[in-house]
Amino acid sequence: YTKFSQRNFKLDLKRCERILISSCEQCGRTYLMQI
């Protein structure tokens, strides 16, 4: 979050994790990117 960030936007970390898992399955990566 920066001084000019819109702080009303919150990340759904569970959704991000599901997307990362799907991405790893599609490309063959063996580790999840860390957020």
PDB file of all heavy atoms in Angstrom:
ATOM      1  N   TYR A   1       0.851  -1.177   0.000  1.00  0.00           N
ATOM      2  CA  TYR A   1       0.000   0.000   0.000  1.00  0.00           C
ATOM      3  C   TYR A   1       0.891   1.232   0.000  1.00  0.00           C
ATOM      4  O   TYR A   1       1.776   1.377   0.825  1.00  0.00           O
ATOM      5  CB  TYR A   1      -0.918   0.015   1.219  1.00  0.00           C
ATOM      6  CG  TYR A   1      -2.004  -1.028   1.142  1.00  0.00           C
ATOM      7  CD1 TYR A   1      -1.910  -2.222   1.835  1.00  0.00           C
ATOM      8  CD2 TYR A   1      -3.115  -0.805   0.349  1.00  0.00           C
ATOM      9  CE1 TYR A   1      -2.902  -3.176   1.751  1.00  0.00           C
ATOM     10  CE2 TYR A   1      -4.121  -1.760   0.259  1.00  0.00           C
ATOM     11  CZ  TYR A   1      -4.004  -2.941   0.963  1.00  0.00           C
ATOM     12  OH  TYR A   1      -4.989  -3.880   0.872  1.00  0.00           O
ATOM     13  N   THR A   2       0.662   2.111  -0.978  1.00  0.00           N
ATOM     14  CA  THR A   2       1.413   3.354  -1.065  1.00  0.00           C
ATOM     15  C   THR A   2       0.518   4.499  -0.584  1.00  0.00           C
ATOM     16  O   THR A   2      -0.665   4.293  -0.291  1.00  0.00           O
ATOM     17  CB  THR A   2       1.876   3.630  -2.513  1.00  0.00           C
ATOM     18  OG1 THR A   2       0.732   3.817  -3.336  1.00  0.00           O
ATOM     19  CG2 THR A   2       2.727   2.490  -3.043  1.00  0.00           C
ATOM     20  N   LYS A   3       1.095   5.674  -0.522  1.00  0.00           N
ATOM     21  CA  LYS A   3       0.338   6.829  -0.056  1.00  0.00           C
ATOM     22  C   LYS A   3      -0.901   7.078  -0.922  1.00  0.00           C
ATOM     23  O   LYS A   3      -1.941   7.490  -0.434  1.00  0.00           O
ATOM     24  CB  LYS A   3       1.234   8.058  -0.050  1.00  0.00           C
ATOM     25  CG  LYS A   3       0.583   9.285   0.513  1.00  0.00           C
ATOM     26  CD  LYS A   3       1.556  10.439   0.612  1.00  0.00           C
ATOM     27  CE  LYS A   3       0.848  11.647   1.203  1.00  0.00           C
ATOM     28  NZ  LYS A   3       1.751  12.786   1.313  1.00  0.00           N
ATOM     29  N   PHE A   4      -0.788   6.787  -2.225  1.00  0.00           N
ATOM     30  CA  PHE A   4      -1.891   7.062  -3.142  1.00  0.00           C
ATOM     31  C   PHE A   4      -2.712   5.807  -3.485  1.00  0.00           C
ATOM     32  O   PHE A   4      -3.516   5.836  -4.408  1.00  0.00           O
ATOM     33  CB  PHE A   4      -1.357   7.698  -4.424  1.00  0.00           C
ATOM     34  CG  PHE A   4      -0.616   8.982  -4.187  1.00  0.00           C
ATOM     35  CD1 PHE A   4       0.612   9.208  -4.778  1.00  0.00           C
ATOM     36  CD2 PHE A   4      -1.138   9.967  -3.365  1.00  0.00           C
ATOM     37  CE1 PHE A   4       1.299  10.393  -4.564  1.00  0.00           C
ATOM     38  CE2 PHE A   4      -0.469  11.151  -3.143  1.00  0.00           C
ATOM     39  CZ  PHE A   4       0.761  11.371  -3.743  1.00  0.00           C
ATOM     40  N   SER A   5      -2.521   4.710  -2.764  1.00  0.00           N
ATOM     41  CA  SER A   5      -3.279   3.486  -3.026  1.00  0.00           C
ATOM     42  C   SER A   5      -4.743   3.649  -2.635  1.00  0.00           C
ATOM     43  O   SER A   5      -5.066   4.378  -1.701  1.00  0.00           O
ATOM     44  CB  SER A   5      -2.712   2.311  -2.217  1.00  0.00           C
ATOM     45  OG  SER A   5      -1.444   1.949  -2.646  1.00  0.00           O
ATOM     46  N   GLN A   6      -5.589   2.917  -3.335  1.00  0.00           N
ATOM     47  CA  GLN A   6      -6.992   2.848  -2.960  1.00  0.00           C
ATOM     48  C   GLN A   6      -7.123   1.734  -1.934  1.00  0.00           C
ATOM     49  O   GLN A   6      -7.135   0.559  -2.273  1.00  0.00           O
ATOM     50  CB  GLN A   6      -7.862   2.562  -4.177  1.00  0.00           C
ATOM     51  CG  GLN A   6      -7.843   3.654  -5.191  1.00  0.00           C
ATOM     52  CD  GLN A   6      -8.703   3.313  -6.399  1.00  0.00           C
ATOM     53  OE1 GLN A   6      -9.355   2.284  -6.434  1.00  0.00           O
ATOM     54  NE2 GLN A   6      -8.678   4.184  -7.388  1.00  0.00           N
ATOM     55  N   ARG A   7      -7.204   2.071  -0.695  1.00  0.00           N
ATOM     56  CA  ARG A   7      -7.186   1.074   0.380  1.00  0.00           C
ATOM     57  C   ARG A   7      -8.513   0.331   0.538  1.00  0.00           C
ATOM     58  O   ARG A   7      -8.620  -0.586   1.321  1.00  0.00           O
ATOM     59  CB  ARG A   7      -6.787   1.724   1.695  1.00  0.00           C
ATOM     60  CG  ARG A   7      -5.335   2.167   1.658  1.00  0.00           C
ATOM     61  CD  ARG A   7      -4.884   2.655   3.009  1.00  0.00           C
ATOM     62  NE  ARG A   7      -3.521   3.119   2.926  1.00  0.00           N
ATOM     63  CZ  ARG A   7      -2.482   2.402   3.285  1.00  0.00           C
ATOM     64  NH1 ARG A   7      -2.642   1.186   3.756  1.00  0.00           N
ATOM     65  NH2 ARG A   7      -1.270   2.892   3.191  1.00  0.00           N
ATOM     66  N   ASN A   8      -9.522   0.715  -0.217  1.00  0.00           N
ATOM     67  CA  ASN A   8     -10.786  -0.007  -0.124  1.00  0.00           C
ATOM     68  C   ASN A   8     -10.757  -1.309  -0.917  1.00  0.00           C
ATOM     69  O   ASN A   8     -11.628  -2.137  -0.783  1.00  0.00           O
ATOM     70  CB  ASN A   8     -11.952   0.869  -0.605  1.00  0.00           C
ATOM     71  CG  ASN A   8     -11.798   1.294  -2.058  1.00  0.00           C
ATOM     72  OD1 ASN A   8     -10.695   1.257  -2.610  1.00  0.00           O
ATOM     73  ND2 ASN A   8     -12.877   1.700  -2.674  1.00  0.00           N
ATOM     74  N   PHE A   9      -9.727  -1.512  -1.741  1.00  0.00           N
ATOM     75  CA  PHE A   9      -9.581  -2.743  -2.520  1.00  0.00           C
ATOM     76  C   PHE A   9      -8.791  -3.755  -1.698  1.00  0.00           C
ATOM     77  O   PHE A   9      -7.677  -3.485  -1.272  1.00  0.00           O
ATOM     78  CB  PHE A   9      -8.851  -2.446  -3.836  1.00  0.00           C
ATOM     79  CG  PHE A   9      -8.649  -3.679  -4.683  1.00  0.00           C
ATOM     80  CD1 PHE A   9      -9.675  -4.184  -5.450  1.00  0.00           C
ATOM     81  CD2 PHE A   9      -7.432  -4.337  -4.682  1.00  0.00           C
ATOM     82  CE1 PHE A   9      -9.492  -5.321  -6.224  1.00  0.00           C
ATOM     83  CE2 PHE A   9      -7.244  -5.474  -5.444  1.00  0.00           C
ATOM     84  CZ  PHE A   9      -8.278  -5.963  -6.209  1.00  0.00           C
ATOM     85  N   LYS A  10      -9.361  -4.909  -1.439  1.00  0.00           N
ATOM     86  CA  LYS A  10      -8.702  -5.954  -0.657  1.00  0.00           C
ATOM     87  C   LYS A  10      -8.536  -7.194  -1.515  1.00  0.00           C
ATOM     88  O   LYS A  10      -9.464  -7.617  -2.201  1.00  0.00           O
ATOM     89  CB  LYS A  10      -9.518  -6.308   0.588  1.00  0.00           C
ATOM     90  CG  LYS A  10      -9.741  -5.146   1.527  1.00  0.00           C
ATOM     91  CD  LYS A  10      -8.455  -4.649   2.127  1.00  0.00           C
ATOM     92  CE  LYS A  10      -8.739  -3.488   3.064  1.00  0.00           C
ATOM     93  NZ  LYS A  10      -7.581  -2.709   3.362  1.00  0.00           N
ATOM     94  N   LEU A  11      -7.356  -7.782  -1.471  1.00  0.00           N
ATOM     95  CA  LEU A  11      -7.097  -9.004  -2.216  1.00  0.00           C
ATOM     96  C   LEU A  11      -7.755 -10.202  -1.551  1.00  0.00           C
ATOM     97  O   LEU A  11      -7.742 -10.319  -0.328  1.00  0.00           O
ATOM     98  CB  LEU A  11      -5.591  -9.270  -2.292  1.00  0.00           C
ATOM     99  CG  LEU A  11      -4.785  -8.416  -3.241  1.00  0.00           C
ATOM    100  CD1 LEU A  11      -3.304  -8.742  -3.100  1.00  0.00           C
ATOM    101  CD2 LEU A  11      -5.225  -8.641  -4.665  1.00  0.00           C
ATOM    102  N   ASP A  12      -8.282 -11.084  -2.352  1.00  0.00           N
ATOM    103  CA  ASP A  12      -8.811 -12.354  -1.874  1.00  0.00           C
ATOM    104  C   ASP A  12      -7.665 -13.359  -2.005  1.00  0.00           C
ATOM    105  O   ASP A  12      -7.442 -13.927  -3.078  1.00  0.00           O
ATOM    106  CB  ASP A  12     -10.020 -12.756  -2.717  1.00  0.00           C
ATOM    107  CG  ASP A  12     -10.634 -14.062  -2.280  1.00  0.00           C
ATOM    108  OD1 ASP A  12     -10.041 -14.785  -1.450  1.00  0.00           O
ATOM    109  OD2 ASP A  12     -11.735 -14.383  -2.784  1.00  0.00           O
ATOM    110  N   LEU A  13      -6.921 -13.557  -0.932  1.00  0.00           N
ATOM    111  CA  LEU A  13      -5.725 -14.392  -0.990  1.00  0.00           C
ATOM    112  C   LEU A  13      -6.040 -15.860  -1.276  1.00  0.00           C
ATOM    113  O   LEU A  13      -5.247 -16.544  -1.915  1.00  0.00           O
ATOM    114  CB  LEU A  13      -4.915 -14.248   0.290  1.00  0.00           C
ATOM    115  CG  LEU A  13      -4.298 -12.860   0.495  1.00  0.00           C
ATOM    116  CD1 LEU A  13      -3.552 -12.791   1.809  1.00  0.00           C
ATOM    117  CD2 LEU A  13      -3.379 -12.494  -0.664  1.00  0.00           C
ATOM    118  N   LYS A  14      -7.181 -16.348  -0.827  1.00  0.00           N
ATOM    119  CA  LYS A  14      -7.579 -17.734  -1.133  1.00  0.00           C
ATOM    120  C   LYS A  14      -7.807 -17.897  -2.635  1.00  0.00           C
ATOM    121  O   LYS A  14      -7.409 -18.894  -3.229  1.00  0.00           O
ATOM    122  CB  LYS A  14      -8.835 -18.132  -0.356  1.00  0.00           C
ATOM    123  CG  LYS A  14      -8.606 -18.268   1.126  1.00  0.00           C
ATOM    124  CD  LYS A  14      -7.710 -19.460   1.394  1.00  0.00           C
ATOM    125  CE  LYS A  14      -7.559 -19.664   2.880  1.00  0.00           C
ATOM    126  NZ  LYS A  14      -6.481 -20.598   3.189  1.00  0.00           N
ATOM    127  N   ARG A  15      -8.440 -16.917  -3.252  1.00  0.00           N
ATOM    128  CA  ARG A  15      -8.662 -16.957  -4.702  1.00  0.00           C
ATOM    129  C   ARG A  15      -7.324 -16.892  -5.433  1.00  0.00           C
ATOM    130  O   ARG A  15      -7.101 -17.624  -6.401  1.00  0.00           O
ATOM    131  CB  ARG A  15      -9.564 -15.800  -5.121  1.00  0.00           C
ATOM    132  CG  ARG A  15      -9.849 -15.788  -6.607  1.00  0.00           C
ATOM    133  CD  ARG A  15     -10.885 -14.713  -6.959  1.00  0.00           C
ATOM    134  NE  ARG A  15     -11.186 -14.755  -8.368  1.00  0.00           N
ATOM    135  CZ  ARG A  15     -10.656 -13.951  -9.278  1.00  0.00           C
ATOM    136  NH1 ARG A  15      -9.802 -13.015  -8.910  1.00  0.00           N
ATOM    137  NH2 ARG A  15     -10.983 -14.055 -10.539  1.00  0.00           N
ATOM    138  N   CYS A  16      -6.439 -16.023  -4.974  1.00  0.00           N
ATOM    139  CA  CYS A  16      -5.106 -15.922  -5.593  1.00  0.00           C
ATOM    140  C   CYS A  16      -4.366 -17.259  -5.511  1.00  0.00           C
ATOM    141  O   CYS A  16      -3.724 -17.673  -6.476  1.00  0.00           O
ATOM    142  CB  CYS A  16      -4.286 -14.833  -4.912  1.00  0.00           C
ATOM    143  SG  CYS A  16      -4.853 -13.161  -5.239  1.00  0.00           S
ATOM    144  N   GLU A  17      -4.481 -17.931  -4.372  1.00  0.00           N
ATOM    145  CA  GLU A  17      -3.816 -19.232  -4.214  1.00  0.00           C
ATOM    146  C   GLU A  17      -4.393 -20.265  -5.182  1.00  0.00           C
ATOM    147  O   GLU A  17      -3.654 -21.037  -5.788  1.00  0.00           O
ATOM    148  CB  GLU A  17      -3.942 -19.724  -2.768  1.00  0.00           C
ATOM    149  CG  GLU A  17      -3.179 -21.003  -2.531  1.00  0.00           C
ATOM    150  CD  GLU A  17      -3.261 -21.473  -1.091  1.00  0.00           C
ATOM    151  OE1 GLU A  17      -4.088 -20.943  -0.315  1.00  0.00           O
ATOM    152  OE2 GLU A  17      -2.493 -22.379  -0.740  1.00  0.00           O
ATOM    153  N   ARG A  18      -5.720 -20.269  -5.358  1.00  0.00           N
ATOM    154  CA  ARG A  18      -6.334 -21.195  -6.310  1.00  0.00           C
ATOM    155  C   ARG A  18      -5.849 -20.914  -7.736  1.00  0.00           C
ATOM    156  O   ARG A  18      -5.567 -21.840  -8.497  1.00  0.00           O
ATOM    157  CB  ARG A  18      -7.860 -21.096  -6.248  1.00  0.00           C
ATOM    158  CG  ARG A  18      -8.469 -21.686  -4.992  1.00  0.00           C
ATOM    159  CD  ARG A  18      -9.981 -21.813  -5.084  1.00  0.00           C
ATOM    160  NE  ARG A  18     -10.671 -20.599  -5.469  1.00  0.00           N
ATOM    161  CZ  ARG A  18     -11.131 -19.670  -4.628  1.00  0.00           C
ATOM    162  NH1 ARG A  18     -10.968 -19.827  -3.334  1.00  0.00           N
ATOM    163  NH2 ARG A  18     -11.766 -18.599  -5.081  1.00  0.00           N
ATOM    164  N   ILE A  19      -5.722 -19.649  -8.081  1.00  0.00           N
ATOM    165  CA  ILE A  19      -5.225 -19.281  -9.412  1.00  0.00           C
ATOM    166  C   ILE A  19      -3.783 -19.735  -9.578  1.00  0.00           C
ATOM    167  O   ILE A  19      -3.403 -20.271 -10.631  1.00  0.00           O
ATOM    168  CB  ILE A  19      -5.367 -17.758  -9.632  1.00  0.00           C
ATOM    169  CG1 ILE A  19      -6.845 -17.384  -9.737  1.00  0.00           C
ATOM    170  CG2 ILE A  19      -4.597 -17.311 -10.872  1.00  0.00           C
ATOM    171  CD1 ILE A  19      -7.114 -15.893  -9.675  1.00  0.00           C
ATOM    172  N   LEU A  20      -2.968 -19.543  -8.550  1.00  0.00           N
ATOM    173  CA  LEU A  20      -1.564 -19.968  -8.622  1.00  0.00           C
ATOM    174  C   LEU A  20      -1.442 -21.487  -8.764  1.00  0.00           C
ATOM    175  O   LEU A  20      -0.602 -21.987  -9.514  1.00  0.00           O
ATOM    176  CB  LEU A  20      -0.793 -19.492  -7.389  1.00  0.00           C
ATOM    177  CG  LEU A  20      -0.530 -18.001  -7.314  1.00  0.00           C
ATOM    178  CD1 LEU A  20       0.078 -17.637  -5.969  1.00  0.00           C
ATOM    179  CD2 LEU A  20       0.370 -17.558  -8.453  1.00  0.00           C
ATOM    180  N   ILE A  21      -2.270 -22.221  -8.055  1.00  0.00           N
ATOM    181  CA  ILE A  21      -2.251 -23.686  -8.159  1.00  0.00           C
ATOM    182  C   ILE A  21      -2.616 -24.109  -9.578  1.00  0.00           C
ATOM    183  O   ILE A  21      -1.939 -24.945 -10.182  1.00  0.00           O
ATOM    184  CB  ILE A  21      -3.200 -24.318  -7.118  1.00  0.00           C
ATOM    185  CG1 ILE A  21      -2.614 -24.138  -5.707  1.00  0.00           C
ATOM    186  CG2 ILE A  21      -3.441 -25.791  -7.420  1.00  0.00           C
ATOM    187  CD1 ILE A  21      -3.580 -24.479  -4.589  1.00  0.00           C
ATOM    188  N   SER A  22      -3.664 -23.520 -10.129  1.00  0.00           N
ATOM    189  CA  SER A  22      -4.059 -23.844 -11.503  1.00  0.00           C
ATOM    190  C   SER A  22      -2.957 -23.487 -12.488  1.00  0.00           C
ATOM    191  O   SER A  22      -2.678 -24.238 -13.427  1.00  0.00           O
ATOM    192  CB  SER A  22      -5.344 -23.105 -11.881  1.00  0.00           C
ATOM    193  OG  SER A  22      -6.417 -23.547 -11.099  1.00  0.00           O
ATOM    194  N   SER A  23      -2.325 -22.360 -12.282  1.00  0.00           N
ATOM    195  CA  SER A  23      -1.234 -21.932 -13.151  1.00  0.00           C
ATOM    196  C   SER A  23      -0.081 -22.932 -13.115  1.00  0.00           C
ATOM    197  O   SER A  23       0.477 -23.298 -14.154  1.00  0.00           O
ATOM    198  CB  SER A  23      -0.746 -20.545 -12.720  1.00  0.00           C
ATOM    199  OG  SER A  23       0.386 -20.166 -13.449  1.00  0.00           O
ATOM    200  N   CYS A  24       0.267 -23.389 -11.916  1.00  0.00           N
ATOM    201  CA  CYS A  24       1.346 -24.379 -11.785  1.00  0.00           C
ATOM    202  C   CYS A  24       0.978 -25.690 -12.484  1.00  0.00           C
ATOM    203  O   CYS A  24       1.827 -26.306 -13.130  1.00  0.00           O
ATOM    204  CB  CYS A  24       1.653 -24.642 -10.306  1.00  0.00           C
ATOM    205  SG  CYS A  24       2.523 -23.299  -9.502  1.00  0.00           S
ATOM    206  N   GLU A  25      -0.259 -26.104 -12.347  1.00  0.00           N
ATOM    207  CA  GLU A  25      -0.701 -27.336 -13.001  1.00  0.00           C
ATOM    208  C   GLU A  25      -0.636 -27.217 -14.518  1.00  0.00           C
ATOM    209  O   GLU A  25      -0.272 -28.155 -15.213  1.00  0.00           O
ATOM    210  CB  GLU A  25      -2.124 -27.674 -12.564  1.00  0.00           C
ATOM    211  CG  GLU A  25      -2.215 -28.126 -11.127  1.00  0.00           C
ATOM    212  CD  GLU A  25      -3.643 -28.284 -10.636  1.00  0.00           C
ATOM    213  OE1 GLU A  25      -4.587 -27.854 -11.344  1.00  0.00           O
ATOM    214  OE2 GLU A  25      -3.820 -28.814  -9.527  1.00  0.00           O
ATOM    215  N   GLN A  26      -0.960 -26.045 -15.050  1.00  0.00           N
ATOM    216  CA  GLN A  26      -0.970 -25.855 -16.500  1.00  0.00           C
ATOM    217  C   GLN A  26       0.433 -25.780 -17.098  1.00  0.00           C
ATOM    218  O   GLN A  26       0.668 -26.273 -18.196  1.00  0.00           O
ATOM    219  CB  GLN A  26      -1.739 -24.582 -16.862  1.00  0.00           C
ATOM    220  CG  GLN A  26      -3.221 -24.716 -16.636  1.00  0.00           C
ATOM    221  CD  GLN A  26      -3.956 -23.403 -16.881  1.00  0.00           C
ATOM    222  OE1 GLN A  26      -3.376 -22.425 -17.313  1.00  0.00           O
ATOM    223  NE2 GLN A  26      -5.246 -23.396 -16.590  1.00  0.00           N
ATOM    224  N   CYS A  27       1.370 -25.167 -16.377  1.00  0.00           N
ATOM    225  CA  CYS A  27       2.696 -24.960 -16.966  1.00  0.00           C
ATOM    226  C   CYS A  27       3.741 -25.945 -16.443  1.00  0.00           C
ATOM    227  O   CYS A  27       4.874 -25.948 -16.919  1.00  0.00           O
ATOM    228  CB  CYS A  27       3.171 -23.524 -16.747  1.00  0.00           C
ATOM    229  SG  CYS A  27       3.627 -23.157 -15.042  1.00  0.00           S
ATOM    230  N   GLY A  28       3.403 -26.751 -15.454  1.00  0.00           N
ATOM    231  CA  GLY A  28       4.346 -27.741 -14.953  1.00  0.00           C
ATOM    232  C   GLY A  28       5.294 -27.223 -13.888  1.00  0.00           C
ATOM    233  O   GLY A  28       6.246 -27.900 -13.516  1.00  0.00           O
ATOM    234  N   ARG A  29       5.051 -26.037 -13.374  1.00  0.00           N
ATOM    235  CA  ARG A  29       5.896 -25.501 -12.304  1.00  0.00           C
ATOM    236  C   ARG A  29       5.679 -26.326 -11.047  1.00  0.00           C
ATOM    237  O   ARG A  29       4.567 -26.748 -10.754  1.00  0.00           O
ATOM    238  CB  ARG A  29       5.552 -24.031 -12.042  1.00  0.00           C
ATOM    239  CG  ARG A  29       6.459 -23.395 -10.989  1.00  0.00           C
ATOM    240  CD  ARG A  29       6.095 -21.960 -10.682  1.00  0.00           C
ATOM    241  NE  ARG A  29       6.190 -21.140 -11.871  1.00  0.00           N
ATOM    242  CZ  ARG A  29       5.339 -20.169 -12.160  1.00  0.00           C
ATOM    243  NH1 ARG A  29       4.319 -19.913 -11.367  1.00  0.00           N
ATOM    244  NH2 ARG A  29       5.496 -19.458 -13.250  1.00  0.00           N
ATOM    245  N   THR A  30       6.724 -26.550 -10.280  1.00  0.00           N
ATOM    246  CA  THR A  30       6.615 -27.402  -9.107  1.00  0.00           C
ATOM    247  C   THR A  30       6.485 -26.631  -7.801  1.00  0.00           C
ATOM    248  O   THR A  30       6.385 -27.239  -6.743  1.00  0.00           O
ATOM    249  CB  THR A  30       7.836 -28.335  -9.011  1.00  0.00           C
ATOM    250  OG1 THR A  30       9.017 -27.533  -8.968  1.00  0.00           O
ATOM    251  CG2 THR A  30       7.892 -29.297 -10.178  1.00  0.00           C
ATOM    252  N   TYR A  31       6.515 -25.320  -7.848  1.00  0.00           N
ATOM    253  CA  TYR A  31       6.362 -24.538  -6.627  1.00  0.00           C
ATOM    254  C   TYR A  31       5.442 -23.346  -6.877  1.00  0.00           C
ATOM    255  O   TYR A  31       5.377 -22.823  -7.977  1.00  0.00           O
ATOM    256  CB  TYR A  31       7.720 -24.048  -6.108  1.00  0.00           C
ATOM    257  CG  TYR A  31       8.439 -23.144  -7.077  1.00  0.00           C
ATOM    258  CD1 TYR A  31       8.295 -21.757  -7.018  1.00  0.00           C
ATOM    259  CD2 TYR A  31       9.271 -23.663  -8.068  1.00  0.00           C
ATOM    260  CE1 TYR A  31       8.935 -20.933  -7.916  1.00  0.00           C
ATOM    261  CE2 TYR A  31       9.923 -22.841  -8.974  1.00  0.00           C
ATOM    262  CZ  TYR A  31       9.749 -21.479  -8.876  1.00  0.00           C
ATOM    263  OH  TYR A  31      10.391 -20.656  -9.780  1.00  0.00           O
ATOM    264  N   LEU A  32       4.737 -22.942  -5.832  1.00  0.00           N
ATOM    265  CA  LEU A  32       3.829 -21.797  -5.941  1.00  0.00           C
ATOM    266  C   LEU A  32       4.599 -20.494  -5.756  1.00  0.00           C
ATOM    267  O   LEU A  32       5.476 -20.403  -4.912  1.00  0.00           O
ATOM    268  CB  LEU A  32       2.755 -21.857  -4.853  1.00  0.00           C
ATOM    269  CG  LEU A  32       1.665 -22.899  -4.992  1.00  0.00           C
ATOM    270  CD1 LEU A  32       0.713 -22.807  -3.808  1.00  0.00           C
ATOM    271  CD2 LEU A  32       0.907 -22.729  -6.279  1.00  0.00           C
ATOM    272  N   MET A  33       4.229 -19.500  -6.541  1.00  0.00           N
ATOM    273  CA  MET A  33       4.766 -18.173  -6.342  1.00  0.00           C
ATOM    274  C   MET A  33       4.262 -17.665  -4.985  1.00  0.00           C
ATOM    275  O   MET A  33       3.115 -17.935  -4.608  1.00  0.00           O
ATOM    276  CB  MET A  33       4.283 -17.254  -7.465  1.00  0.00           C
ATOM    277  CG  MET A  33       4.873 -15.891  -7.429  1.00  0.00           C
ATOM    278  SD  MET A  33       4.437 -14.780  -8.794  1.00  0.00           S
ATOM    279  CE  MET A  33       3.203 -15.598  -9.724  1.00  0.00           C
ATOM    280  N   GLN A  34       5.109 -16.984  -4.243  1.00  0.00           N
ATOM    281  CA  GLN A  34       4.732 -16.466  -2.933  1.00  0.00           C
ATOM    282  C   GLN A  34       4.132 -15.073  -3.069  1.00  0.00           C
ATOM    283  O   GLN A  34       4.601 -14.259  -3.850  1.00  0.00           O
ATOM    284  CB  GLN A  34       5.958 -16.398  -2.017  1.00  0.00           C
ATOM    285  CG  GLN A  34       6.608 -17.750  -1.768  1.00  0.00           C
ATOM    286  CD  GLN A  34       5.668 -18.703  -1.064  1.00  0.00           C
ATOM    287  OE1 GLN A  34       5.117 -18.371  -0.029  1.00  0.00           O
ATOM    288  NE2 GLN A  34       5.486 -19.876  -1.633  1.00  0.00           N
ATOM    289  N   ILE A  35       3.089 -14.809  -2.303  1.00  0.00           N
ATOM    290  CA  ILE A  35       2.457 -13.493  -2.273  1.00  0.00           C
ATOM    291  C   ILE A  35       2.684 -12.903  -0.894  1.00  0.00           C
ATOM    292  O   ILE A  35       2.427 -13.547   0.123  1.00  0.00           O
ATOM    293  CB  ILE A  35       0.944 -13.588  -2.552  1.00  0.00           C
ATOM    294  CG1 ILE A  35       0.689 -14.141  -3.949  1.00  0.00           C
ATOM    295  CG2 ILE A  35       0.287 -12.217  -2.384  1.00  0.00           C
ATOM    296  CD1 ILE A  35      -0.767 -14.390  -4.254  1.00  0.00           C
TER     297      ILE A  35
END
